[in-house]
């Protein structure tokens, strides 16, 4: 997912997505606001089917 799309989602959740913050940090903050564990980019495999799954697993390669 492109950072522009992530910033739109971040704005919806009132998450700081200012320039200079990493994509991972912004996504993890969004995950917390959604009520999920901030696990983006920390697992080799994932059983969850969340919005971030494709990007998450691809950043581990």
N, C-alpha and C. Protein backbone atom coordinates (compact mmCIF):
# COMPACT_ATOMS: atom_id res chain seq x y z
N UNK A 1 0.85 -1.17 0.00
CA UNK A 1 0.00 0.00 0.00
C UNK A 1 0.90 1.24 0.00
N UNK A 2 0.50 2.21 -0.77
CA UNK A 2 1.30 3.43 -0.87
C UNK A 2 1.09 4.32 0.35
N UNK A 3 2.10 5.12 0.64
CA UNK A 3 2.07 5.97 1.84
C UNK A 3 0.91 6.97 1.79
N UNK A 4 0.51 7.41 0.60
CA UNK A 4 -0.62 8.33 0.50
C UNK A 4 -1.90 7.68 1.01
N UNK A 5 -2.09 6.41 0.67
CA UNK A 5 -3.26 5.67 1.14
C UNK A 5 -3.19 5.47 2.66
N UNK A 6 -2.00 5.18 3.14
CA UNK A 6 -1.81 4.97 4.57
C UNK A 6 -2.10 6.26 5.33
N UNK A 7 -1.69 7.39 4.78
CA UNK A 7 -1.95 8.69 5.44
C UNK A 7 -3.45 8.97 5.54
N UNK A 8 -4.22 8.58 4.53
CA UNK A 8 -5.68 8.76 4.57
C UNK A 8 -6.29 7.94 5.70
N UNK A 9 -5.83 6.70 5.82
CA UNK A 9 -6.32 5.83 6.90
C UNK A 9 -5.88 6.38 8.25
N UNK A 10 -4.66 6.87 8.32
CA UNK A 10 -4.14 7.45 9.55
C UNK A 10 -4.97 8.66 9.96
N UNK A 11 -5.35 9.49 9.01
CA UNK A 11 -6.17 10.66 9.32
C UNK A 11 -7.51 10.23 9.90
N UNK A 12 -8.09 9.18 9.35
CA UNK A 12 -9.37 8.67 9.86
C UNK A 12 -9.24 8.27 11.33
N UNK A 13 -8.12 7.65 11.68
CA UNK A 13 -7.90 7.17 13.05
C UNK A 13 -7.19 8.20 13.93
N UNK A 14 -6.95 9.40 13.42
CA UNK A 14 -6.24 10.46 14.14
C UNK A 14 -4.85 10.02 14.57
N UNK A 15 -4.15 9.39 13.64
CA UNK A 15 -2.78 8.95 13.88
C UNK A 15 -1.82 9.90 13.18
N UNK A 16 -0.74 10.25 13.86
CA UNK A 16 0.27 11.13 13.30
C UNK A 16 0.97 10.42 12.14
N UNK A 17 0.85 10.97 10.94
CA UNK A 17 1.48 10.38 9.76
C UNK A 17 2.33 11.42 9.04
N UNK A 18 2.92 12.32 9.82
CA UNK A 18 3.73 13.39 9.23
C UNK A 18 4.96 12.84 8.54
N UNK A 19 5.46 13.61 7.60
CA UNK A 19 6.67 13.23 6.88
C UNK A 19 7.79 13.04 7.91
N UNK A 20 8.54 12.00 7.72
CA UNK A 20 9.62 11.69 8.65
C UNK A 20 9.33 10.45 9.49
N UNK A 21 8.05 10.13 9.67
CA UNK A 21 7.69 8.91 10.38
C UNK A 21 7.75 7.74 9.42
N UNK A 22 8.23 6.63 9.88
CA UNK A 22 8.32 5.47 9.00
C UNK A 22 6.95 4.87 8.75
N UNK A 23 6.83 4.20 7.62
CA UNK A 23 5.59 3.52 7.24
C UNK A 23 5.22 2.50 8.32
N UNK A 24 6.22 1.77 8.81
CA UNK A 24 5.97 0.77 9.85
C UNK A 24 5.40 1.39 11.11
N UNK A 25 5.97 2.50 11.55
CA UNK A 25 5.49 3.15 12.77
C UNK A 25 4.05 3.64 12.62
N UNK A 26 3.74 4.23 11.48
CA UNK A 26 2.38 4.73 11.25
C UNK A 26 1.39 3.57 11.24
N UNK A 27 1.74 2.51 10.53
CA UNK A 27 0.84 1.35 10.46
C UNK A 27 0.65 0.73 11.84
N UNK A 28 1.72 0.61 12.61
CA UNK A 28 1.59 0.04 13.96
C UNK A 28 0.69 0.90 14.85
N UNK A 29 0.79 2.22 14.72
CA UNK A 29 -0.10 3.11 15.48
C UNK A 29 -1.56 2.93 15.05
N UNK A 30 -1.78 2.74 13.75
CA UNK A 30 -3.14 2.49 13.25
C UNK A 30 -3.65 1.17 13.81
N UNK A 31 -2.80 0.15 13.82
CA UNK A 31 -3.21 -1.15 14.35
C UNK A 31 -3.68 -1.03 15.80
N UNK A 32 -2.99 -0.25 16.60
CA UNK A 32 -3.38 -0.04 18.00
C UNK A 32 -4.74 0.64 18.06
N UNK A 33 -4.94 1.68 17.25
CA UNK A 33 -6.23 2.39 17.23
C UNK A 33 -7.36 1.47 16.81
N UNK A 34 -7.07 0.50 15.94
CA UNK A 34 -8.07 -0.46 15.48
C UNK A 34 -8.37 -1.51 16.56
N UNK A 35 -7.57 -1.53 17.61
CA UNK A 35 -7.77 -2.52 18.66
C UNK A 35 -6.98 -3.80 18.45
N UNK A 36 -5.98 -3.73 17.60
CA UNK A 36 -5.14 -4.90 17.31
C UNK A 36 -3.74 -4.73 17.89
N UNK A 37 -3.00 -5.82 17.89
CA UNK A 37 -1.60 -5.77 18.32
C UNK A 37 -0.78 -5.06 17.25
N UNK A 38 0.19 -4.25 17.65
CA UNK A 38 1.03 -3.55 16.67
C UNK A 38 2.13 -4.48 16.14
N UNK A 39 1.73 -5.39 15.27
CA UNK A 39 2.63 -6.46 14.84
C UNK A 39 3.19 -6.29 13.42
N UNK A 40 2.91 -5.18 12.75
CA UNK A 40 3.32 -5.01 11.36
C UNK A 40 4.83 -5.24 11.20
N UNK A 41 5.17 -6.17 10.32
CA UNK A 41 6.56 -6.43 10.00
C UNK A 41 7.33 -7.23 11.04
N UNK A 42 6.63 -7.87 11.96
CA UNK A 42 7.34 -8.58 13.03
C UNK A 42 7.21 -10.10 12.94
N UNK A 43 6.39 -10.60 12.01
CA UNK A 43 6.15 -12.04 11.94
C UNK A 43 6.54 -12.59 10.57
N UNK A 44 6.93 -13.85 10.57
CA UNK A 44 7.24 -14.53 9.31
C UNK A 44 5.97 -15.00 8.62
N UNK A 45 4.99 -15.43 9.41
CA UNK A 45 3.69 -15.85 8.88
C UNK A 45 2.60 -15.20 9.71
N UNK A 46 1.40 -15.18 9.15
CA UNK A 46 0.30 -14.53 9.86
C UNK A 46 -1.01 -15.25 9.55
N UNK A 47 -1.74 -15.55 10.60
CA UNK A 47 -3.04 -16.19 10.42
C UNK A 47 -4.15 -15.16 10.24
N UNK A 48 -3.92 -13.93 10.66
CA UNK A 48 -4.93 -12.87 10.55
C UNK A 48 -5.06 -12.43 9.09
N UNK A 49 -6.22 -11.92 8.76
CA UNK A 49 -6.46 -11.44 7.41
C UNK A 49 -6.73 -9.94 7.47
N UNK A 50 -5.77 -9.18 7.95
CA UNK A 50 -5.97 -7.75 8.15
C UNK A 50 -5.63 -6.96 6.88
N UNK A 51 -5.91 -5.69 6.93
CA UNK A 51 -5.67 -4.78 5.82
C UNK A 51 -4.20 -4.71 5.43
N UNK A 52 -3.31 -4.96 6.35
CA UNK A 52 -1.87 -4.76 6.15
C UNK A 52 -1.12 -6.03 5.77
N UNK A 53 -1.81 -7.17 5.70
CA UNK A 53 -1.15 -8.46 5.56
C UNK A 53 -0.18 -8.52 4.37
N UNK A 54 -0.59 -8.12 3.21
CA UNK A 54 0.27 -8.22 2.01
C UNK A 54 1.55 -7.42 2.19
N UNK A 55 1.44 -6.17 2.65
CA UNK A 55 2.62 -5.34 2.88
C UNK A 55 3.47 -5.89 4.02
N UNK A 56 2.82 -6.35 5.04
CA UNK A 56 3.51 -6.85 6.22
C UNK A 56 4.42 -8.03 5.87
N UNK A 57 3.87 -9.01 5.23
CA UNK A 57 4.65 -10.20 4.91
C UNK A 57 5.70 -9.91 3.84
N UNK A 58 5.44 -8.98 2.94
CA UNK A 58 6.42 -8.66 1.92
C UNK A 58 7.60 -7.88 2.48
N UNK A 59 7.42 -7.17 3.58
CA UNK A 59 8.54 -6.39 4.15
C UNK A 59 9.50 -7.29 4.91
N UNK A 60 9.12 -8.54 5.16
CA UNK A 60 9.98 -9.49 5.84
C UNK A 60 10.94 -10.18 4.90
N UNK A 61 10.75 -10.02 3.58
CA UNK A 61 11.59 -10.71 2.59
C UNK A 61 12.87 -9.97 2.35
